[in-house]
Amino acid sequence: MYLLEKERKDLMSSCGDAALILYEYYLKKAGIDGYTYQDELVARGLGWNSHKVKQNRLKLTKEQYFLQINGKLNDKRKITVTYLHPQEIHEVNALIDNPEFVSRLLAENAVTP
């Protein structure tokens, strides 16, 4: 995953340059199975403090560049599904109020930490 130049400019203008750095870091970690995107872990990787990571993660979340859904599967395993693409996030947010959809979504994308 990567950003086109226009996407980088759009993200930077809506969230700021630090959020762009954080988002690109998230994209680099997207291919790692089970990566948890925990603020403390990301902060160590970027050389930031966890408050700065959280602040910028919340900006990304507000602008629909980052979304995490936590839940449990039928066998009681806890899982987290992370979305990093604005179009996917928009589609998921439109359907998130449907509990049946959320259960199916979590089961289809099951990654246990």
C-alpha atoms as a PDB file:
ATOM      1  CA  MET A   1       0.000   0.000   0.000  1.00  0.00           C
ATOM      2  CA  TYR A   2       1.151   3.499  -0.766  1.00  0.00           C
ATOM      3  CA  LEU A   3      -0.214   6.985  -1.325  1.00  0.00           C
ATOM      4  CA  LEU A   4      -0.316   8.855  -4.585  1.00  0.00           C
ATOM      5  CA  GLU A   5       1.028  12.418  -4.446  1.00  0.00           C
ATOM      6  CA  LYS A   6      -2.486  13.907  -4.496  1.00  0.00           C
ATOM      7  CA  GLU A   7      -3.551  11.592  -1.656  1.00  0.00           C
ATOM      8  CA  ARG A   8      -0.501  12.643   0.373  1.00  0.00           C
ATOM      9  CA  LYS A   9      -1.346  16.321  -0.147  1.00  0.00           C
ATOM     10  CA  ASP A  10      -5.012  15.762   0.750  1.00  0.00           C
ATOM     11  CA  LEU A  11      -4.113  13.881   3.923  1.00  0.00           C
ATOM     12  CA  MET A  12      -1.525  16.474   4.933  1.00  0.00           C
ATOM     13  CA  SER A  13      -3.924  19.370   4.372  1.00  0.00           C
ATOM     14  CA  SER A  14      -6.709  17.717   6.385  1.00  0.00           C
ATOM     15  CA  CYS A  15      -4.648  16.124   9.190  1.00  0.00           C
ATOM     16  CA  GLY A  16      -1.185  17.729   9.194  1.00  0.00           C
ATOM     17  CA  ASP A  17       2.307  16.565   8.358  1.00  0.00           C
ATOM     18  CA  ALA A  18       2.807  14.498  11.542  1.00  0.00           C
ATOM     19  CA  ALA A  19      -0.393  12.570  10.764  1.00  0.00           C
ATOM     20  CA  LEU A  20       0.942  11.908   7.268  1.00  0.00           C
ATOM     21  CA  ILE A  21       4.132  10.444   8.741  1.00  0.00           C
ATOM     22  CA  LEU A  22       2.054   8.286  11.097  1.00  0.00           C
ATOM     23  CA  TYR A  23      -0.229   7.109   8.292  1.00  0.00           C
ATOM     24  CA  GLU A  24       2.694   6.138   6.090  1.00  0.00           C
ATOM     25  CA  TYR A  25       4.155   4.229   9.057  1.00  0.00           C
ATOM     26  CA  TYR A  26       0.822   2.406   9.434  1.00  0.00           C
ATOM     27  CA  LEU A  27       0.883   1.549   5.732  1.00  0.00           C
ATOM     28  CA  LYS A  28       4.368   0.027   6.106  1.00  0.00           C
ATOM     29  CA  LYS A  29       3.071  -2.197   8.905  1.00  0.00           C
ATOM     30  CA  ALA A  30      -0.090  -3.225   7.027  1.00  0.00           C
ATOM     31  CA  GLY A  31       1.519  -6.365   5.607  1.00  0.00           C
ATOM     32  CA  ILE A  32       2.574  -7.727   8.992  1.00  0.00           C
ATOM     33  CA  ASP A  33       0.113 -10.345  10.262  1.00  0.00           C
ATOM     34  CA  GLY A  34      -1.106  -9.587  13.758  1.00  0.00           C
ATOM     35  CA  TYR A  35       0.423  -6.109  13.969  1.00  0.00           C
ATOM     36  CA  THR A  36      -1.590  -4.311  16.663  1.00  0.00           C
ATOM     37  CA  TYR A  37      -1.030  -0.603  15.901  1.00  0.00           C
ATOM     38  CA  GLN A  38      -0.687   0.109  19.639  1.00  0.00           C
ATOM     39  CA  ASP A  39       0.277   3.724  20.307  1.00  0.00           C
ATOM     40  CA  GLU A  40       3.219   2.767  22.544  1.00  0.00           C
ATOM     41  CA  LEU A  41       4.633   0.356  19.965  1.00  0.00           C
ATOM     42  CA  VAL A  42       4.232   2.877  17.146  1.00  0.00           C
ATOM     43  CA  ALA A  43       5.755   5.639  19.300  1.00  0.00           C
ATOM     44  CA  ARG A  44       8.896   3.555  19.834  1.00  0.00           C
ATOM     45  CA  GLY A  45       9.114   2.865  16.107  1.00  0.00           C
ATOM     46  CA  LEU A  46       8.834   6.537  15.195  1.00  0.00           C
ATOM     47  CA  GLY A  47      10.836   7.927  18.109  1.00  0.00           C
ATOM     48  CA  TRP A  48       7.776   9.859  19.313  1.00  0.00           C
ATOM     49  CA  ASN A  49       5.897   9.809  22.601  1.00  0.00           C
ATOM     50  CA  SER A  50       2.614   7.905  22.769  1.00  0.00           C
ATOM     51  CA  HIS A  51       0.608  11.127  23.272  1.00  0.00           C
ATOM     52  CA  LYS A  52       1.775  12.441  19.881  1.00  0.00           C
ATOM     53  CA  VAL A  53       0.847   9.131  18.243  1.00  0.00           C
ATOM     54  CA  LYS A  54      -2.600   9.127  19.873  1.00  0.00           C
ATOM     55  CA  GLN A  55      -3.255  12.750  18.921  1.00  0.00           C
ATOM     56  CA  ASN A  56      -2.422  12.094  15.276  1.00  0.00           C
ATOM     57  CA  ARG A  57      -4.203   8.722  15.207  1.00  0.00           C
ATOM     58  CA  LEU A  58      -7.363  10.500  16.365  1.00  0.00           C
ATOM     59  CA  LYS A  59      -6.961  13.027  13.528  1.00  0.00           C
ATOM     60  CA  LEU A  60      -6.629  10.153  11.056  1.00  0.00           C
ATOM     61  CA  THR A  61      -9.672   8.459  12.562  1.00  0.00           C
ATOM     62  CA  LYS A  62     -11.758  11.642  12.352  1.00  0.00           C
ATOM     63  CA  GLU A  63     -10.841  12.111   8.687  1.00  0.00           C
ATOM     64  CA  GLN A  64     -11.498   8.395   7.955  1.00  0.00           C
ATOM     65  CA  TYR A  65      -7.938   7.302   7.233  1.00  0.00           C
ATOM     66  CA  PHE A  66      -7.801   4.883  10.175  1.00  0.00           C
ATOM     67  CA  LEU A  67     -10.430   2.623  11.745  1.00  0.00           C
ATOM     68  CA  GLN A  68     -10.182  -0.281  14.148  1.00  0.00           C
ATOM     69  CA  ILE A  69     -13.050  -2.571  15.057  1.00  0.00           C
ATOM     70  CA  ASN A  70     -12.670  -4.740  18.145  1.00  0.00           C
ATOM     71  CA  GLY A  71     -14.832  -7.762  18.812  1.00  0.00           C
ATOM     72  CA  LYS A  72     -15.112 -11.401  19.714  1.00  0.00           C
ATOM     73  CA  LEU A  73     -15.665 -14.375  17.487  1.00  0.00           C
ATOM     74  CA  ASN A  74     -18.195 -17.068  18.352  1.00  0.00           C
ATOM     75  CA  ASP A  75     -15.393 -19.110  19.938  1.00  0.00           C
ATOM     76  CA  LYS A  76     -14.671 -16.131  22.280  1.00  0.00           C
ATOM     77  CA  ARG A  77     -11.362 -15.137  20.643  1.00  0.00           C
ATOM     78  CA  LYS A  78     -10.799 -11.386  20.780  1.00  0.00           C
ATOM     79  CA  ILE A  79      -9.886  -9.823  17.466  1.00  0.00           C
ATOM     80  CA  THR A  80      -9.180  -6.419  15.985  1.00  0.00           C
ATOM     81  CA  VAL A  81      -9.672  -5.496  12.348  1.00  0.00           C
ATOM     82  CA  THR A  82      -7.818  -2.407  11.108  1.00  0.00           C
ATOM     83  CA  TYR A  83      -8.770  -0.417   8.025  1.00  0.00           C
ATOM     84  CA  LEU A  84      -6.414   2.103   6.433  1.00  0.00           C
ATOM     85  CA  HIS A  85      -8.192   2.986   3.196  1.00  0.00           C
ATOM     86  CA  PRO A  86     -10.702   5.871   3.279  1.00  0.00           C
ATOM     87  CA  GLN A  87     -13.104   4.219   0.825  1.00  0.00           C
ATOM     88  CA  GLU A  88     -13.217   0.990   2.847  1.00  0.00           C
ATOM     89  CA  ILE A  89     -13.664   2.968   6.062  1.00  0.00           C
ATOM     90  CA  HIS A  90     -16.536   4.926   4.542  1.00  0.00           C
ATOM     91  CA  GLU A  91     -18.252   1.682   3.487  1.00  0.00           C
ATOM     92  CA  VAL A  92     -17.695   0.019   6.869  1.00  0.00           C
ATOM     93  CA  ASN A  93     -18.982   3.076   8.747  1.00  0.00           C
ATOM     94  CA  ALA A  94     -22.143   3.025   6.639  1.00  0.00           C
ATOM     95  CA  LEU A  95     -22.831  -0.563   7.734  1.00  0.00           C
ATOM     96  CA  ILE A  96     -21.399  -0.620  11.258  1.00  0.00           C
ATOM     97  CA  ASP A  97     -24.753  -0.248  13.017  1.00  0.00           C
ATOM     98  CA  ASN A  98     -25.782  -3.685  11.766  1.00  0.00           C
ATOM     99  CA  PRO A  99     -24.582  -6.244  14.396  1.00  0.00           C
ATOM    100  CA  GLU A 100     -24.919  -9.157  11.963  1.00  0.00           C
ATOM    101  CA  PHE A 101     -22.690  -7.378   9.472  1.00  0.00           C
ATOM    102  CA  VAL A 102     -20.080  -6.587  12.140  1.00  0.00           C
ATOM    103  CA  SER A 103     -19.972 -10.242  13.261  1.00  0.00           C
ATOM    104  CA  ARG A 104     -19.510 -11.414   9.683  1.00  0.00           C
ATOM    105  CA  LEU A 105     -16.904  -8.737   9.026  1.00  0.00           C
ATOM    106  CA  LEU A 106     -14.886  -9.729  12.074  1.00  0.00           C
ATOM    107  CA  ALA A 107     -15.076 -13.425  11.201  1.00  0.00           C
ATOM    108  CA  GLU A 108     -13.951 -12.803   7.611  1.00  0.00           C
ATOM    109  CA  ASN A 109     -11.005 -10.668   8.683  1.00  0.00           C
ATOM    110  CA  ALA A 110     -10.055 -12.540  11.831  1.00  0.00           C
ATOM    111  CA  VAL A 111      -6.545 -11.729  12.977  1.00  0.00           C
ATOM    112  CA  THR A 112      -5.836 -12.555  16.581  1.00  0.00           C
ATOM    113  CA  PRO A 113      -3.298 -10.418  18.421  1.00  0.00           C
END
